[in-house]
N, C-alpha and C. Protein backbone atom coordinates (compact mmCIF):
# COMPACT_ATOMS: atom_id res chain seq x y z
N MET A 1 0.84 -1.17 0.00
CA MET A 1 0.00 0.00 0.00
C MET A 1 0.89 1.24 0.00
N GLU A 2 0.57 2.18 -0.85
CA GLU A 2 1.34 3.42 -0.92
C GLU A 2 0.93 4.37 0.19
N ASN A 3 1.87 5.19 0.59
CA ASN A 3 1.57 6.20 1.59
C ASN A 3 0.73 7.30 0.96
N ASN A 4 -0.23 7.81 1.75
CA ASN A 4 -1.04 8.93 1.29
C ASN A 4 -0.15 10.15 1.07
N ASN A 5 -0.62 11.06 0.29
CA ASN A 5 0.07 12.31 0.09
C ASN A 5 0.14 13.03 1.44
N LEU A 6 1.31 13.51 1.80
CA LEU A 6 1.49 14.18 3.08
C LEU A 6 0.57 15.39 3.20
N PHE A 7 0.16 15.95 2.08
CA PHE A 7 -0.74 17.10 2.11
C PHE A 7 -2.16 16.71 2.51
N ASP A 8 -2.45 15.42 2.59
CA ASP A 8 -3.75 14.95 3.06
C ASP A 8 -3.88 15.10 4.57
N PHE A 9 -2.76 15.37 5.26
CA PHE A 9 -2.76 15.42 6.72
C PHE A 9 -2.50 16.85 7.21
N GLU A 10 -3.16 17.20 8.27
CA GLU A 10 -2.90 18.47 8.96
C GLU A 10 -2.05 18.14 10.17
N LEU A 11 -0.82 18.65 10.20
CA LEU A 11 0.12 18.35 11.28
C LEU A 11 0.40 19.60 12.11
N VAL A 12 0.57 19.38 13.41
CA VAL A 12 0.88 20.47 14.33
C VAL A 12 2.11 20.07 15.12
N LYS A 13 3.06 20.98 15.26
CA LYS A 13 4.28 20.69 16.00
C LYS A 13 3.98 20.67 17.49
N ASP A 14 4.52 19.66 18.17
CA ASP A 14 4.33 19.48 19.61
C ASP A 14 5.67 19.12 20.23
N GLU A 15 6.33 20.07 20.83
CA GLU A 15 7.67 19.90 21.40
C GLU A 15 8.63 19.38 20.35
N ASN A 16 9.13 18.15 20.49
CA ASN A 16 10.10 17.59 19.54
C ASN A 16 9.48 16.61 18.56
N CYS A 17 8.18 16.70 18.37
CA CYS A 17 7.52 15.78 17.46
C CYS A 17 6.34 16.49 16.80
N TRP A 18 5.58 15.71 16.02
CA TRP A 18 4.40 16.23 15.34
C TRP A 18 3.17 15.48 15.80
N CYS A 19 2.03 16.12 15.67
CA CYS A 19 0.73 15.55 16.01
C CYS A 19 -0.17 15.68 14.78
N VAL A 20 -0.88 14.61 14.43
CA VAL A 20 -1.84 14.67 13.33
C VAL A 20 -3.15 15.23 13.88
N LYS A 21 -3.56 16.38 13.35
CA LYS A 21 -4.80 17.03 13.82
C LYS A 21 -5.93 16.93 12.80
N GLY A 22 -5.64 16.50 11.60
CA GLY A 22 -6.69 16.38 10.60
C GLY A 22 -6.28 15.50 9.44
N TYR A 23 -7.28 14.88 8.82
CA TYR A 23 -7.06 14.08 7.62
C TYR A 23 -8.07 14.55 6.58
N HIS A 24 -7.57 14.89 5.39
CA HIS A 24 -8.42 15.44 4.34
C HIS A 24 -8.34 14.63 3.05
N GLY A 25 -7.79 13.44 3.13
CA GLY A 25 -7.66 12.60 1.94
C GLY A 25 -8.99 12.03 1.50
N ARG A 26 -8.97 11.34 0.37
CA ARG A 26 -10.21 10.81 -0.18
C ARG A 26 -10.22 9.30 -0.36
N GLY A 27 -9.13 8.64 0.00
CA GLY A 27 -9.04 7.21 -0.26
C GLY A 27 -9.69 6.33 0.80
N GLU A 28 -9.83 5.06 0.43
CA GLU A 28 -10.36 4.06 1.37
C GLU A 28 -9.28 3.59 2.33
N ASP A 29 -8.03 3.65 1.89
CA ASP A 29 -6.89 3.23 2.69
C ASP A 29 -6.14 4.46 3.18
N VAL A 30 -5.85 4.50 4.48
CA VAL A 30 -5.16 5.64 5.07
C VAL A 30 -3.88 5.14 5.73
N VAL A 31 -2.74 5.68 5.30
CA VAL A 31 -1.45 5.37 5.90
C VAL A 31 -0.94 6.67 6.53
N PHE A 32 -0.85 6.67 7.85
CA PHE A 32 -0.39 7.87 8.55
C PHE A 32 1.11 8.05 8.38
N PRO A 33 1.59 9.30 8.36
CA PRO A 33 3.02 9.54 8.18
C PRO A 33 3.82 9.18 9.43
N ALA A 34 5.02 8.66 9.24
CA ALA A 34 5.90 8.32 10.36
C ALA A 34 6.71 9.53 10.82
N SER A 35 6.99 10.43 9.89
CA SER A 35 7.78 11.61 10.26
C SER A 35 7.44 12.75 9.31
N TYR A 36 7.88 13.94 9.73
CA TYR A 36 7.69 15.14 8.92
C TYR A 36 8.81 16.11 9.30
N LYS A 37 9.48 16.65 8.31
CA LYS A 37 10.58 17.59 8.54
C LYS A 37 11.59 17.05 9.56
N ASN A 38 11.97 15.79 9.37
CA ASN A 38 12.99 15.12 10.18
C ASN A 38 12.61 14.96 11.66
N LYS A 39 11.34 15.05 11.98
CA LYS A 39 10.87 14.82 13.36
C LYS A 39 9.76 13.78 13.31
N PRO A 40 9.69 12.92 14.32
CA PRO A 40 8.67 11.87 14.31
C PRO A 40 7.25 12.40 14.53
N VAL A 41 6.28 11.67 14.03
CA VAL A 41 4.88 11.93 14.32
C VAL A 41 4.48 10.91 15.38
N LYS A 42 3.94 11.37 16.52
CA LYS A 42 3.69 10.47 17.64
C LYS A 42 2.24 10.40 18.11
N TYR A 43 1.42 11.35 17.73
CA TYR A 43 0.05 11.40 18.26
C TYR A 43 -0.96 11.60 17.14
N ILE A 44 -2.17 11.11 17.38
CA ILE A 44 -3.28 11.39 16.48
C ILE A 44 -4.43 11.91 17.33
N VAL A 45 -4.81 13.13 17.12
CA VAL A 45 -6.01 13.73 17.71
C VAL A 45 -6.74 14.37 16.54
N CYS A 46 -7.16 13.53 15.65
CA CYS A 46 -7.50 13.88 14.29
C CYS A 46 -9.00 14.09 14.09
N SER A 47 -9.31 15.06 13.26
CA SER A 47 -10.69 15.18 12.80
C SER A 47 -10.75 14.70 11.35
N ILE A 48 -11.78 13.96 11.07
CA ILE A 48 -12.01 13.44 9.73
C ILE A 48 -13.44 13.82 9.37
N SER A 49 -13.64 14.33 8.18
CA SER A 49 -14.98 14.77 7.79
C SER A 49 -15.95 13.58 7.74
N PRO A 50 -17.23 13.83 8.04
CA PRO A 50 -18.23 12.75 7.97
C PRO A 50 -18.26 12.07 6.60
N LYS A 51 -18.06 12.84 5.53
CA LYS A 51 -18.05 12.27 4.18
C LYS A 51 -16.90 11.28 4.02
N GLN A 52 -15.71 11.64 4.52
CA GLN A 52 -14.55 10.75 4.43
C GLN A 52 -14.72 9.53 5.32
N LYS A 53 -15.33 9.71 6.50
CA LYS A 53 -15.53 8.58 7.41
C LYS A 53 -16.34 7.47 6.76
N LYS A 54 -17.18 7.81 5.82
CA LYS A 54 -18.01 6.82 5.12
C LYS A 54 -17.18 5.96 4.17
N LYS A 55 -15.96 6.40 3.81
CA LYS A 55 -15.14 5.70 2.82
C LYS A 55 -14.05 4.82 3.43
N ILE A 56 -13.51 5.20 4.58
CA ILE A 56 -12.31 4.55 5.12
C ILE A 56 -12.57 3.08 5.44
N LYS A 57 -11.70 2.20 4.88
CA LYS A 57 -11.81 0.76 5.12
C LYS A 57 -10.58 0.19 5.81
N ARG A 58 -9.42 0.80 5.56
CA ARG A 58 -8.17 0.26 6.10
C ARG A 58 -7.29 1.39 6.58
N VAL A 59 -6.67 1.19 7.75
CA VAL A 59 -5.80 2.21 8.35
C VAL A 59 -4.50 1.56 8.80
N ILE A 60 -3.38 2.21 8.49
CA ILE A 60 -2.07 1.77 8.98
C ILE A 60 -1.45 2.93 9.74
N ILE A 61 -1.11 2.66 11.00
CA ILE A 61 -0.44 3.65 11.83
C ILE A 61 0.97 3.10 12.08
N PRO A 62 2.00 3.81 11.63
CA PRO A 62 3.37 3.27 11.72
C PRO A 62 3.94 3.29 13.13
N GLU A 63 5.02 2.59 13.29
CA GLU A 63 5.74 2.53 14.56
C GLU A 63 6.13 3.93 15.00
N GLY A 64 6.10 4.17 16.30
CA GLY A 64 6.47 5.46 16.86
C GLY A 64 5.29 6.20 17.48
N TYR A 65 4.11 5.94 16.99
CA TYR A 65 2.91 6.58 17.56
C TYR A 65 2.64 6.01 18.95
N THR A 66 2.27 6.88 19.88
CA THR A 66 2.00 6.42 21.25
C THR A 66 0.56 6.68 21.70
N TYR A 67 -0.17 7.56 21.01
CA TYR A 67 -1.49 7.96 21.48
C TYR A 67 -2.43 8.24 20.31
N ILE A 68 -3.67 7.73 20.42
CA ILE A 68 -4.72 8.00 19.44
C ILE A 68 -5.95 8.45 20.23
N TYR A 69 -6.60 9.51 19.78
CA TYR A 69 -7.79 10.00 20.47
C TYR A 69 -8.87 10.40 19.47
N ASP A 70 -10.09 9.90 19.68
CA ASP A 70 -11.29 10.33 18.96
C ASP A 70 -11.07 10.48 17.46
N THR A 71 -10.49 9.51 16.84
CA THR A 71 -10.10 9.65 15.44
C THR A 71 -11.03 8.96 14.46
N PHE A 72 -11.36 7.72 14.70
CA PHE A 72 -12.07 6.93 13.71
C PHE A 72 -13.54 6.68 14.07
N SER A 73 -14.08 7.43 15.01
CA SER A 73 -15.47 7.22 15.40
C SER A 73 -16.39 7.35 14.18
N ASP A 74 -17.32 6.42 14.10
CA ASP A 74 -18.31 6.35 13.02
C ASP A 74 -17.73 6.04 11.64
N CYS A 75 -16.54 5.46 11.59
CA CYS A 75 -16.01 4.94 10.33
C CYS A 75 -16.60 3.54 10.18
N LYS A 76 -17.84 3.47 9.76
CA LYS A 76 -18.61 2.22 9.76
C LYS A 76 -18.05 1.15 8.83
N LYS A 77 -17.31 1.52 7.79
CA LYS A 77 -16.73 0.56 6.85
C LYS A 77 -15.33 0.11 7.24
N LEU A 78 -14.77 0.71 8.30
CA LEU A 78 -13.41 0.34 8.72
C LEU A 78 -13.41 -1.11 9.17
N THR A 79 -12.62 -1.94 8.47
CA THR A 79 -12.55 -3.36 8.80
C THR A 79 -11.16 -3.79 9.25
N ASN A 80 -10.15 -3.01 8.89
CA ASN A 80 -8.78 -3.42 9.17
C ASN A 80 -7.99 -2.24 9.67
N ILE A 81 -7.35 -2.40 10.83
CA ILE A 81 -6.47 -1.36 11.36
C ILE A 81 -5.22 -2.01 11.89
N GLU A 82 -4.07 -1.47 11.49
CA GLU A 82 -2.78 -1.94 11.99
C GLU A 82 -2.25 -0.91 12.97
N LEU A 83 -2.12 -1.33 14.23
CA LEU A 83 -1.63 -0.44 15.28
C LEU A 83 -0.16 -0.72 15.55
N PRO A 84 0.61 0.32 15.87
CA PRO A 84 2.03 0.11 16.14
C PRO A 84 2.27 -0.49 17.53
N LYS A 85 3.36 -1.20 17.67
CA LYS A 85 3.75 -1.77 18.97
C LYS A 85 4.01 -0.67 20.00
N SER A 86 4.36 0.52 19.53
CA SER A 86 4.69 1.64 20.42
C SER A 86 3.46 2.29 21.06
N LEU A 87 2.27 1.95 20.61
CA LEU A 87 1.05 2.58 21.11
C LEU A 87 0.79 2.21 22.56
N THR A 88 0.63 3.21 23.41
CA THR A 88 0.36 2.97 24.84
C THR A 88 -1.04 3.39 25.25
N CYS A 89 -1.71 4.23 24.45
CA CYS A 89 -3.03 4.72 24.84
C CYS A 89 -3.97 4.82 23.65
N ILE A 90 -5.14 4.20 23.78
CA ILE A 90 -6.24 4.41 22.85
C ILE A 90 -7.24 5.27 23.61
N GLY A 91 -7.36 6.52 23.22
CA GLY A 91 -8.20 7.48 23.94
C GLY A 91 -9.68 7.29 23.71
N SER A 92 -10.45 8.07 24.40
CA SER A 92 -11.90 8.02 24.34
C SER A 92 -12.41 8.19 22.91
N TRP A 93 -13.47 7.47 22.60
CA TRP A 93 -14.20 7.53 21.33
C TRP A 93 -13.38 7.19 20.09
N THR A 94 -12.22 6.61 20.23
CA THR A 94 -11.35 6.37 19.07
C THR A 94 -12.01 5.50 18.00
N PHE A 95 -12.64 4.41 18.38
CA PHE A 95 -13.29 3.51 17.41
C PHE A 95 -14.80 3.43 17.63
N ASP A 96 -15.36 4.37 18.34
CA ASP A 96 -16.79 4.41 18.65
C ASP A 96 -17.61 4.33 17.35
N GLY A 97 -18.48 3.34 17.28
CA GLY A 97 -19.36 3.21 16.13
C GLY A 97 -18.74 2.58 14.89
N CYS A 98 -17.57 1.98 15.01
CA CYS A 98 -16.93 1.30 13.87
C CYS A 98 -17.55 -0.09 13.72
N GLU A 99 -18.71 -0.14 13.14
CA GLU A 99 -19.50 -1.37 13.04
C GLU A 99 -18.82 -2.47 12.24
N GLY A 100 -18.01 -2.11 11.26
CA GLY A 100 -17.36 -3.10 10.41
C GLY A 100 -16.09 -3.70 10.99
N LEU A 101 -15.61 -3.16 12.10
CA LEU A 101 -14.38 -3.65 12.72
C LEU A 101 -14.63 -5.04 13.31
N ILE A 102 -14.02 -6.05 12.70
CA ILE A 102 -14.25 -7.43 13.10
C ILE A 102 -13.26 -7.87 14.16
N GLY A 103 -12.03 -7.49 14.00
CA GLY A 103 -10.99 -7.86 14.95
C GLY A 103 -9.95 -6.76 15.02
N ILE A 104 -9.24 -6.75 16.13
CA ILE A 104 -8.17 -5.78 16.29
C ILE A 104 -7.12 -6.40 17.20
N GLU A 105 -5.87 -6.28 16.79
CA GLU A 105 -4.77 -6.77 17.62
C GLU A 105 -4.23 -5.59 18.40
N LEU A 106 -4.41 -5.65 19.71
CA LEU A 106 -3.96 -4.56 20.56
C LEU A 106 -2.48 -4.74 20.89
N PRO A 107 -1.71 -3.65 20.84
CA PRO A 107 -0.27 -3.74 21.10
C PRO A 107 0.04 -4.23 22.52
N LYS A 108 1.12 -4.94 22.68
CA LYS A 108 1.51 -5.50 23.98
C LYS A 108 1.89 -4.44 25.00
N ASN A 109 2.20 -3.21 24.56
CA ASN A 109 2.57 -2.12 25.48
C ASN A 109 1.40 -1.22 25.85
N LEU A 110 0.21 -1.53 25.38
CA LEU A 110 -0.95 -0.69 25.65
C LEU A 110 -1.26 -0.68 27.14
N THR A 111 -1.39 0.53 27.73
CA THR A 111 -1.67 0.65 29.16
C THR A 111 -3.05 1.21 29.44
N SER A 112 -3.67 1.90 28.47
CA SER A 112 -4.94 2.56 28.74
C SER A 112 -5.87 2.54 27.53
N ILE A 113 -7.15 2.25 27.82
CA ILE A 113 -8.22 2.35 26.83
C ILE A 113 -9.24 3.32 27.41
N GLY A 114 -9.51 4.39 26.70
CA GLY A 114 -10.39 5.44 27.19
C GLY A 114 -11.87 5.09 27.09
N GLY A 115 -12.68 5.91 27.72
CA GLY A 115 -14.12 5.73 27.73
C GLY A 115 -14.71 5.71 26.33
N ARG A 116 -15.61 4.78 26.12
CA ARG A 116 -16.34 4.59 24.86
C ARG A 116 -15.43 4.35 23.66
N ALA A 117 -14.20 3.93 23.90
CA ALA A 117 -13.23 3.74 22.81
C ALA A 117 -13.73 2.77 21.74
N PHE A 118 -14.45 1.73 22.13
CA PHE A 118 -14.96 0.74 21.18
C PHE A 118 -16.48 0.63 21.23
N ASP A 119 -17.15 1.58 21.81
CA ASP A 119 -18.61 1.55 21.94
C ASP A 119 -19.26 1.37 20.56
N GLY A 120 -20.16 0.40 20.46
CA GLY A 120 -20.88 0.19 19.22
C GLY A 120 -20.13 -0.56 18.14
N CYS A 121 -19.00 -1.18 18.47
CA CYS A 121 -18.26 -1.99 17.50
C CYS A 121 -18.92 -3.37 17.45
N ILE A 122 -20.04 -3.44 16.77
CA ILE A 122 -20.88 -4.65 16.79
C ILE A 122 -20.23 -5.83 16.06
N GLY A 123 -19.24 -5.58 15.23
CA GLY A 123 -18.56 -6.65 14.50
C GLY A 123 -17.52 -7.40 15.32
N LEU A 124 -17.04 -6.79 16.41
CA LEU A 124 -16.04 -7.47 17.26
C LEU A 124 -16.64 -8.71 17.89
N THR A 125 -15.95 -9.83 17.81
CA THR A 125 -16.44 -11.05 18.44
C THR A 125 -15.59 -11.48 19.62
N ASN A 126 -14.29 -11.32 19.52
CA ASN A 126 -13.38 -11.66 20.61
C ASN A 126 -12.32 -10.57 20.72
N ILE A 127 -11.87 -10.33 21.93
CA ILE A 127 -10.79 -9.37 22.10
C ILE A 127 -9.93 -9.82 23.28
N LYS A 128 -8.63 -9.80 23.06
CA LYS A 128 -7.69 -10.13 24.13
C LYS A 128 -6.96 -8.85 24.51
N LEU A 129 -7.12 -8.49 25.75
CA LEU A 129 -6.48 -7.27 26.25
C LEU A 129 -5.08 -7.62 26.74
N PRO A 130 -4.08 -6.81 26.39
CA PRO A 130 -2.70 -7.13 26.76
C PRO A 130 -2.47 -7.06 28.27
N GLU A 131 -1.48 -7.80 28.75
CA GLU A 131 -1.13 -7.81 30.17
C GLU A 131 -0.72 -6.44 30.68
N SER A 132 -0.21 -5.60 29.82
CA SER A 132 0.25 -4.27 30.21
C SER A 132 -0.91 -3.32 30.53
N LEU A 133 -2.12 -3.68 30.15
CA LEU A 133 -3.27 -2.80 30.32
C LEU A 133 -3.60 -2.61 31.80
N THR A 134 -3.65 -1.35 32.23
CA THR A 134 -3.95 -1.04 33.64
C THR A 134 -5.25 -0.27 33.80
N SER A 135 -5.82 0.26 32.71
CA SER A 135 -7.01 1.09 32.83
C SER A 135 -7.94 0.92 31.63
N ILE A 136 -9.24 0.70 31.94
CA ILE A 136 -10.28 0.66 30.92
C ILE A 136 -11.34 1.67 31.33
N GLY A 137 -11.59 2.66 30.49
CA GLY A 137 -12.53 3.73 30.82
C GLY A 137 -13.98 3.31 30.75
N HIS A 138 -14.84 4.19 31.26
CA HIS A 138 -16.28 3.98 31.29
C HIS A 138 -16.82 3.67 29.90
N GLU A 139 -17.66 2.65 29.83
CA GLU A 139 -18.37 2.27 28.61
C GLU A 139 -17.44 1.95 27.43
N ALA A 140 -16.21 1.57 27.71
CA ALA A 140 -15.21 1.34 26.66
C ALA A 140 -15.66 0.32 25.62
N PHE A 141 -16.35 -0.72 26.04
CA PHE A 141 -16.82 -1.76 25.11
C PHE A 141 -18.34 -1.87 25.13
N LYS A 142 -19.01 -0.82 25.47
CA LYS A 142 -20.47 -0.80 25.54
C LYS A 142 -21.05 -1.08 24.15
N ASN A 143 -22.12 -1.84 24.11
CA ASN A 143 -22.86 -2.15 22.87
C ASN A 143 -22.03 -2.87 21.82
N CYS A 144 -21.03 -3.60 22.24
CA CYS A 144 -20.29 -4.48 21.32
C CYS A 144 -21.05 -5.80 21.31
N THR A 145 -22.19 -5.80 20.65
CA THR A 145 -23.13 -6.91 20.74
C THR A 145 -22.60 -8.21 20.16
N GLY A 146 -21.58 -8.17 19.32
CA GLY A 146 -21.00 -9.38 18.75
C GLY A 146 -20.00 -10.08 19.65
N LEU A 147 -19.53 -9.40 20.70
CA LEU A 147 -18.52 -10.00 21.58
C LEU A 147 -19.08 -11.24 22.28
N THR A 148 -18.33 -12.31 22.18
CA THR A 148 -18.70 -13.53 22.88
C THR A 148 -17.74 -13.85 24.01
N ASN A 149 -16.54 -13.31 23.94
CA ASN A 149 -15.53 -13.62 24.95
C ASN A 149 -14.56 -12.44 25.07
N ILE A 150 -14.18 -12.13 26.29
CA ILE A 150 -13.19 -11.08 26.51
C ILE A 150 -12.25 -11.56 27.61
N LYS A 151 -10.96 -11.37 27.39
CA LYS A 151 -9.95 -11.77 28.37
C LYS A 151 -9.33 -10.51 28.96
N LEU A 152 -9.40 -10.40 30.27
CA LEU A 152 -8.87 -9.23 30.98
C LEU A 152 -7.53 -9.57 31.61
N SER A 153 -6.69 -8.58 31.69
CA SER A 153 -5.39 -8.73 32.33
C SER A 153 -5.55 -8.65 33.85
N LYS A 154 -4.77 -9.42 34.56
CA LYS A 154 -4.80 -9.36 36.03
C LYS A 154 -4.15 -8.07 36.53
N ASN A 155 -3.51 -7.31 35.65
CA ASN A 155 -2.85 -6.06 36.04
C ASN A 155 -3.77 -4.84 36.01
N LEU A 156 -5.04 -5.04 35.68
CA LEU A 156 -5.97 -3.92 35.63
C LEU A 156 -6.13 -3.29 37.00
N ALA A 157 -5.90 -1.98 37.07
CA ALA A 157 -6.07 -1.23 38.31
C ALA A 157 -7.38 -0.46 38.31
N PHE A 158 -7.91 -0.17 37.10
CA PHE A 158 -9.16 0.58 36.99
C PHE A 158 -10.02 0.03 35.87
N ILE A 159 -11.27 -0.27 36.19
CA ILE A 159 -12.27 -0.64 35.19
C ILE A 159 -13.45 0.29 35.42
N GLY A 160 -13.79 1.07 34.42
CA GLY A 160 -14.86 2.04 34.54
C GLY A 160 -16.24 1.40 34.62
N GLU A 161 -17.22 2.24 34.78
CA GLU A 161 -18.61 1.80 34.88
C GLU A 161 -19.15 1.41 33.51
N GLN A 162 -20.04 0.46 33.49
CA GLN A 162 -20.79 0.02 32.32
C GLN A 162 -19.89 -0.41 31.15
N VAL A 163 -18.72 -0.90 31.45
CA VAL A 163 -17.80 -1.35 30.41
C VAL A 163 -18.42 -2.47 29.58
N PHE A 164 -19.19 -3.34 30.21
CA PHE A 164 -19.76 -4.50 29.53
C PHE A 164 -21.25 -4.37 29.28
N GLU A 165 -21.80 -3.19 29.30
CA GLU A 165 -23.24 -3.00 29.10
C GLU A 165 -23.62 -3.19 27.63
N GLY A 166 -24.78 -3.81 27.41
CA GLY A 166 -25.30 -3.96 26.07
C GLY A 166 -24.86 -5.21 25.33
N TYR A 167 -24.28 -6.18 26.06
CA TYR A 167 -23.84 -7.43 25.42
C TYR A 167 -25.00 -8.38 25.30
N LYS A 168 -25.18 -8.95 24.14
CA LYS A 168 -26.23 -9.95 23.92
C LYS A 168 -25.65 -11.36 23.93
N ASN A 169 -24.43 -11.49 23.45
CA ASN A 169 -23.86 -12.82 23.23
C ASN A 169 -22.66 -13.13 24.11
N LEU A 170 -22.34 -12.28 25.08
CA LEU A 170 -21.17 -12.48 25.89
C LEU A 170 -21.31 -13.74 26.73
N LYS A 171 -20.39 -14.67 26.53
CA LYS A 171 -20.41 -15.96 27.24
C LYS A 171 -19.47 -15.96 28.43
N GLY A 172 -18.44 -15.12 28.38
CA GLY A 172 -17.50 -15.14 29.47
C GLY A 172 -16.55 -13.97 29.50
N VAL A 173 -16.22 -13.60 30.72
CA VAL A 173 -15.17 -12.61 30.96
C VAL A 173 -14.13 -13.34 31.78
N ASN A 174 -12.93 -13.47 31.25
CA ASN A 174 -11.89 -14.25 31.89
C ASN A 174 -10.71 -13.38 32.27
N TYR A 175 -10.08 -13.74 33.38
CA TYR A 175 -8.82 -13.08 33.78
C TYR A 175 -7.69 -14.02 33.48
N GLU A 176 -6.60 -13.48 32.96
CA GLU A 176 -5.41 -14.30 32.69
C GLU A 176 -4.38 -14.06 33.75
């Protein structure tokens, strides 16, 4: 897959790195930039137009990114996302309403999942949370009606309210 044109992204300088604040491309596949002007891109706090959200099917976020917030909510056709091993936080509403998301491999270094991060991801059937995870925000997996099994890390220090609300097919919540 080719990288999107760098002009499709709105970047903002943040200390010694860059932050993606907007995506204006038109393709179904989105490849985020790894660097810009010899500095790494580490965060996504991106706005995507409702028209573009209807098109996105595949997303690749390269190594080096550590935080994603409220980026892909309501990308109903999103079916495939590649997350970097460096990612430590999936912020609130990041995948909220991504009905087409069937599976997602969470990075082993992930420590936090924000509130409503996966709310309404009805296509998810199973999810394994990494051992490094210490916090799951309120309603993080609410209305994931396709989930049948979820494995929680024994290292969790915080689990928000109504994290498992709205499950129709959930057979088990297991601790590893």
